[in-house]
Each structure stands twice: as structure tokens, then as C-alpha cells.
Protein backbone atom coordinates (compact mmCIF):
# COMPACT_ATOMS: atom_id res chain seq x y z
CA MET A 1 -3.50 -37.49 46.60
CA GLN A 2 -1.65 -34.14 46.38
CA ASP A 3 1.99 -33.54 47.23
CA ALA A 4 2.95 -30.67 49.52
CA TYR A 5 3.96 -28.33 46.71
CA GLY A 6 1.22 -29.06 44.23
CA LEU A 7 3.56 -30.57 41.63
CA TYR A 8 1.13 -33.41 41.17
CA THR A 9 -2.57 -33.44 41.97
CA PRO A 10 -5.44 -35.69 40.88
CA THR A 11 -6.18 -33.13 38.17
CA THR A 12 -2.62 -32.55 36.94
CA LEU A 13 -2.99 -34.56 33.75
CA VAL A 14 -6.29 -32.83 33.01
CA GLU A 15 -4.73 -29.40 33.54
CA ILE A 16 -1.73 -30.11 31.30
CA GLY A 17 -3.95 -31.72 28.68
CA LEU A 18 -6.25 -28.70 28.57
CA LEU A 19 -3.30 -26.34 28.36
CA LEU A 20 -1.91 -28.38 25.47
CA ALA A 21 -5.26 -28.28 23.70
CA THR A 22 -5.41 -24.51 24.23
CA PHE A 23 -1.88 -24.15 22.89
CA VAL A 24 -2.67 -26.12 19.72
CA LEU A 25 -6.01 -24.44 19.02
CA CYS A 26 -4.79 -20.90 19.73
CA SER A 27 -1.70 -21.62 17.62
CA LEU A 28 -3.95 -22.38 14.68
CA ILE A 29 -5.78 -19.09 15.21
CA GLY A 30 -2.54 -17.19 15.73
CA VAL A 31 -0.85 -18.61 12.62
CA GLU A 32 -3.82 -17.59 10.51
CA ARG A 33 -3.72 -14.07 11.95
CA GLN A 34 0.06 -13.90 11.47
CA VAL A 35 -0.10 -14.96 7.83
CA ARG A 36 -2.76 -12.31 7.21
CA GLN A 37 -0.51 -9.79 8.98
CA LYS A 38 -2.97 -8.59 11.59
CA VAL A 39 -1.70 -6.45 14.43
CA ALA A 40 -2.62 -9.16 16.95
CA GLY A 41 -0.71 -12.15 15.59
CA TYR A 42 0.47 -15.56 16.70
CA ARG A 43 2.04 -14.69 20.03
CA THR A 44 -0.83 -12.52 21.23
CA HIS A 45 -3.49 -15.14 20.49
CA VAL A 46 -1.56 -18.02 22.05
CA LEU A 47 -0.59 -16.10 25.19
CA VAL A 48 -4.09 -14.78 25.79
CA GLY A 49 -5.52 -18.26 25.21
CA LEU A 50 -3.09 -19.90 27.61
CA GLY A 51 -3.73 -17.24 30.21
CA SER A 52 -7.49 -17.56 29.92
CA CYS A 53 -7.28 -21.35 30.17
CA THR A 54 -5.16 -21.09 33.27
CA PHE A 55 -7.53 -18.65 34.95
CA THR A 56 -10.36 -21.07 34.27
CA LEU A 57 -8.44 -24.07 35.60
CA ILE A 58 -7.51 -22.20 38.74
CA SER A 59 -11.13 -21.27 39.34
CA ALA A 60 -12.19 -24.89 38.79
CA TYR A 61 -9.49 -26.77 40.69
CA GLY A 62 -7.26 -24.37 42.55
CA PHE A 63 -9.32 -23.68 45.66
CA SER A 64 -11.07 -27.02 46.23
CA ALA A 65 -8.92 -27.76 49.27
CA ALA A 66 -10.06 -24.52 50.94
CA LEU A 67 -13.75 -25.43 50.80
CA ALA A 68 -14.80 -27.37 53.87
CA PRO A 69 -17.86 -29.63 53.65
CA GLY A 70 -20.97 -27.49 53.79
CA ALA A 71 -19.03 -24.22 53.46
CA THR A 72 -20.59 -21.43 51.40
CA MET A 73 -17.34 -19.53 50.76
CA ASP A 74 -16.40 -19.12 47.10
CA PRO A 75 -12.61 -18.59 46.82
CA SER A 76 -12.77 -18.70 43.03
CA ARG A 77 -14.12 -15.16 43.08
CA ILE A 78 -10.51 -14.09 43.58
CA ALA A 79 -9.74 -15.28 40.07
CA ALA A 80 -12.53 -13.16 38.64
CA GLN A 81 -11.25 -10.05 40.43
CA ILE A 82 -7.69 -10.57 39.21
CA VAL A 83 -8.87 -11.12 35.64
CA SER A 84 -10.76 -7.82 35.76
CA GLY A 85 -7.85 -5.93 37.29
CA ILE A 86 -5.12 -7.27 35.01
CA GLY A 87 -6.97 -5.95 31.97
CA PHE A 88 -6.30 -2.37 33.03
CA LEU A 89 -2.61 -3.11 33.51
CA GLY A 90 -2.37 -4.73 30.09
CA ALA A 91 -4.14 -1.83 28.42
CA GLY A 92 -1.55 0.53 29.83
CA VAL A 93 1.23 -0.97 27.70
CA ILE A 94 -0.68 -0.86 24.40
CA PHE A 95 0.02 2.12 22.18
CA LYS A 96 -1.70 3.03 18.92
CA GLY A 97 -0.45 5.48 16.32
CA ARG A 98 -2.13 5.70 12.95
CA ASN A 99 -2.31 2.10 11.70
CA VAL A 100 0.38 0.80 14.05
CA VAL A 101 -0.44 -0.87 17.34
CA ARG A 102 2.38 -1.65 19.77
CA GLY A 103 2.42 -3.57 23.02
CA LEU A 104 -0.08 -6.35 22.34
CA THR A 105 2.40 -9.12 23.02
CA THR A 106 3.57 -7.32 26.14
CA ALA A 107 -0.01 -7.04 27.37
CA ALA A 108 -0.53 -10.75 26.68
CA SER A 109 2.66 -11.57 28.58
CA ILE A 110 1.36 -9.62 31.56
CA TRP A 111 -1.85 -11.65 31.34
CA VAL A 112 0.14 -14.90 31.36
CA SER A 113 2.37 -13.72 34.17
CA ALA A 114 -0.71 -13.02 36.27
CA ALA A 115 -1.95 -16.53 35.54
CA VAL A 116 1.38 -18.06 36.59
CA GLY A 117 1.28 -16.09 39.83
CA MET A 118 -2.27 -17.20 40.55
CA ALA A 119 -1.42 -20.83 39.87
CA CYS A 120 1.56 -20.73 42.20
CA GLY A 121 -0.48 -18.98 44.87
CA ALA A 122 -3.13 -21.69 44.61
CA GLY A 123 -0.53 -24.41 45.10
CA MET A 124 -0.81 -25.58 41.47
CA LEU A 125 2.90 -25.63 40.64
CA SER A 126 2.49 -28.22 37.91
CA LEU A 127 0.07 -25.91 36.11
CA ALA A 128 2.35 -22.90 36.61
CA LEU A 129 5.38 -24.80 35.30
CA SER A 130 3.46 -26.02 32.27
CA LEU A 131 2.16 -22.53 31.47
CA THR A 132 5.64 -21.03 31.79
CA ALA A 133 7.08 -23.68 29.48
CA PHE A 134 4.40 -23.06 26.85
CA HIS A 135 4.96 -19.32 27.18
CA LEU A 136 8.70 -19.65 26.49
CA ILE A 137 8.15 -22.15 23.67
CA THR A 138 5.69 -19.74 22.06
CA LEU A 139 8.05 -16.76 22.17
CA TYR A 140 11.42 -18.37 21.50
CA VAL A 141 10.73 -21.52 19.48
CA VAL A 142 7.45 -21.42 17.56
CA SER A 143 7.14 -17.67 16.95
CA PRO A 144 10.45 -17.35 15.00
CA VAL A 145 9.35 -20.26 12.81
CA VAL A 146 5.95 -18.67 12.17
CA ARG A 147 7.64 -15.41 11.16
CA LYS A 148 9.36 -17.25 8.30
CA ILE A 149 6.05 -18.22 6.68
CA PRO A 150 5.84 -16.32 3.36
CA THR A 151 3.32 -13.49 3.24
CA THR A 152 1.91 -11.41 0.41
CA ASP A 153 4.50 -8.70 1.14
CA ALA A 154 7.25 -11.01 -0.12
CA HIS A 155 6.07 -10.22 -3.67
CA ARG A 156 5.25 -6.55 -3.19
CA VAL A 157 7.30 -3.51 -4.15
CA LEU A 158 7.06 -0.02 -2.69
CA HIS A 159 7.11 2.69 -5.37
CA LEU A 160 8.45 5.91 -3.85
CA GLY A 161 8.41 9.39 -5.34
CA TYR A 162 10.46 12.08 -3.60
CA ALA A 163 12.22 15.39 -4.16
CA ASP A 164 15.85 14.98 -5.18
CA ASN A 165 18.86 16.52 -3.41
CA GLN A 166 17.08 16.89 -0.05
CA GLY A 167 18.37 13.83 1.78
CA VAL A 168 14.95 12.19 1.60
CA LEU A 169 16.18 8.68 0.76
CA ARG A 170 18.46 8.63 3.80
CA GLN A 171 15.54 9.46 6.10
CA VAL A 172 13.29 6.88 4.42
CA LEU A 173 15.82 4.08 4.84
CA GLU A 174 16.52 5.13 8.43
CA ILE A 175 12.82 4.95 9.34
CA ALA A 176 12.46 1.56 7.66
CA THR A 177 15.52 0.19 9.45
CA ASN A 178 14.27 1.41 12.83
CA MET A 179 10.98 -0.43 12.19
CA GLY A 180 12.85 -3.67 11.46
CA PHE A 181 12.76 -3.60 7.66
CA SER A 182 15.67 -4.44 5.38
CA SER A 183 15.60 -2.93 1.90
CA SER A 184 16.88 -3.44 -1.60
CA ILE A 185 16.56 -0.83 -4.36
CA LEU A 186 15.24 -2.35 -7.58
CA SER A 187 15.15 0.64 -9.95
CA THR A 188 15.58 4.41 -10.02
CA ASN A 189 14.24 6.97 -12.51
CA LYS A 190 14.25 10.75 -12.72
CA SER A 191 11.21 12.94 -13.32
CA GLY A 192 10.05 16.50 -12.72
CA THR A 193 11.89 19.61 -13.88
CA GLU A 194 15.41 20.96 -13.47
CA GLN A 195 14.17 23.29 -10.74
CA ASN A 196 12.14 20.54 -8.99
CA PRO A 197 13.71 17.16 -9.78
CA ILE A 198 11.74 14.12 -8.65
CA VAL A 199 13.15 10.64 -8.09
CA LEU A 200 10.90 7.62 -8.74
CA MET A 201 12.26 4.55 -7.02
CA ASP A 202 11.11 0.94 -6.60
CA ILE A 203 12.20 -0.58 -3.28
CA ARG A 204 11.57 -4.03 -1.88
CA PHE A 205 11.29 -4.12 1.90
CA HIS A 206 11.56 -7.25 4.06
CA GLY A 207 10.39 -7.26 7.67
CA HIS A 208 8.14 -8.83 10.27
CA LEU A 209 5.56 -6.01 10.12
CA PRO A 210 3.08 -5.58 7.26
CA LEU A 211 4.43 -3.25 4.58
CA ARG A 212 1.34 -1.05 4.88
CA GLU A 213 2.44 -0.04 8.40
CA LEU A 214 5.52 1.62 6.94
CA VAL A 215 3.57 3.82 4.49
CA PRO A 216 2.18 6.45 6.97
CA TYR A 217 5.65 7.08 8.38
CA LEU A 218 7.17 7.57 4.94
CA LEU A 219 4.46 10.04 4.00
CA ASP A 220 5.47 12.17 7.01
CA VAL A 221 9.02 12.59 5.66
CA PRO A 222 9.47 16.08 4.17
CA GLY A 223 10.00 15.80 0.43
CA VAL A 224 8.12 12.53 -0.09
CA LYS A 225 5.57 13.04 -2.85
CA SER A 226 3.89 9.64 -3.17
CA VAL A 227 4.07 6.10 -1.83
CA THR A 228 2.53 3.19 -3.71
CA VAL A 229 2.55 -0.48 -2.71
CA ARG A 230 2.43 -2.73 -5.74
CA GLY A 231 2.04 -6.45 -6.22
CA ALA A 232 4.38 -8.79 -8.08
CA ASP A 233 3.01 -7.40 -11.33
CA ALA A 234 4.24 -3.83 -11.69
CA ASN A 235 0.83 -2.87 -13.11
CA GLU A 236 -1.01 -4.16 -10.05
CA GLU A 237 -1.44 -1.45 -7.43
CA ASP A 238 -2.57 -2.47 -3.94
CA ASP A 239 -2.35 0.80 -2.06
CA ASP A 240 -1.64 4.34 -3.20
CA ALA A 241 -1.08 7.43 -1.13
CA SER A 242 0.28 10.91 -1.74
CA ALA A 243 1.71 13.51 0.59
């Protein structure tokens, strides 16, 4: 028995159960990616997983009422066409510059939005409501908690060498702030000559992005001589780059 609006169908419990299983399993994958600070982290994996599950459920259950006995029509082909088309739309919001990729979560949200629209169009409101709820829980409840999981960057220090008296530090801190990093200066030393003074500074940055994503932008700042990411031990160097 199915109500007029599709809030409850014979497969409703199966649909919600499969969405829940997808949410849990993709969360495990996403948390692992987030802890390892990959560009596609928790939100991207969960949203793509939920969207893919929903597309599959719609293809399996969403058009059964439209198939008359003995009919050869295959309405589920609509789902396949939408899945192919939405990929181009999602790709349009992804931007890559050097080691930084932006827009993955936005592309995943577009994927999920398409799934919600398909579910509603197929009369599967219970599935659409469940997917929307999981989408919001992922972005506004679970994701902020996942971001608080300690990463290796919590014990790393960025060693910066730059030309003195050129306003370099102001530009460096401005770039870091715009990328969502907070900073604390640990130590400062002078080097170089009187004509070309060099400042050597240890800075600890805190942010949601991997620290390595900040390095290419700092190297582009005029006057920056070197950028080194070090571990908790000052003698342990993880990444070293020079302008």
C-alpha cells in the first residue's frame, strides 16, 4: 500500500535502512580521508555516497508503478541520463590551483540535490526527506565534529625566511587568514647582512586545510626566501621549499 504522496511505501523501511547504511559506511571512509587531510574529505565522500545510493534506489523502486503488466518501457533509464548529466554540472564548480582543489563539497551537494529532486519527482517523498535530513546532519552536525579530530598538523611548525623591512609578514598573515588559518609566532631570529637582513621565524598555524596547501601561496609572496614545514621535533623536516 502506498499513500498519495509517497511518504510511506512498501519499500520505505528498506530505502531508509539502505540510506542509513550508506551514511555510516561513507562516514567511515570520509573520516579516514579527513584525518589524512585529503582534498576530498568527509563531506564529499558522504554526500556522493548518499546521492549514489538514492539514484540506485530510485532506479530500483521509483518507477514500478509506471510499468504496466507486460510493458517493455524502462523508466529507470531517466535516472541514468540524469546521473550522466549532473556530472558535468558538478565539474563546473570544481577549481584547481597548484595543490589546492576547491568546490568538491559544492559539487557533491549538487549531486545530492539532483537525487532529492529525482526522488520527489518519482513520488518517493520519504526517501527525499531522509536524504535531505542526512545531508543537513552531515554538513551541520557531524562535519564540525570531524574537523576537531587532531591531525598531524597540530604538531607541525612552519619555518619562514623572508626579507626584513618589506612588509612581508603582513602579507603572509593576511594570506593565511583568508585561507582560514589562525597563527601564533613561536620564535624570531635575524640573519643575513645589514644590506639584506633576513628574518627567520617559526609560526604555528591552525586551520581546517592541510598546512601544505598554504606553502605555495606563501612562496608567491615577494620577499619570501624559504618555507619549511617541520614536525614536533625542530630537527624533523617534513617539507622544504625555497622561492
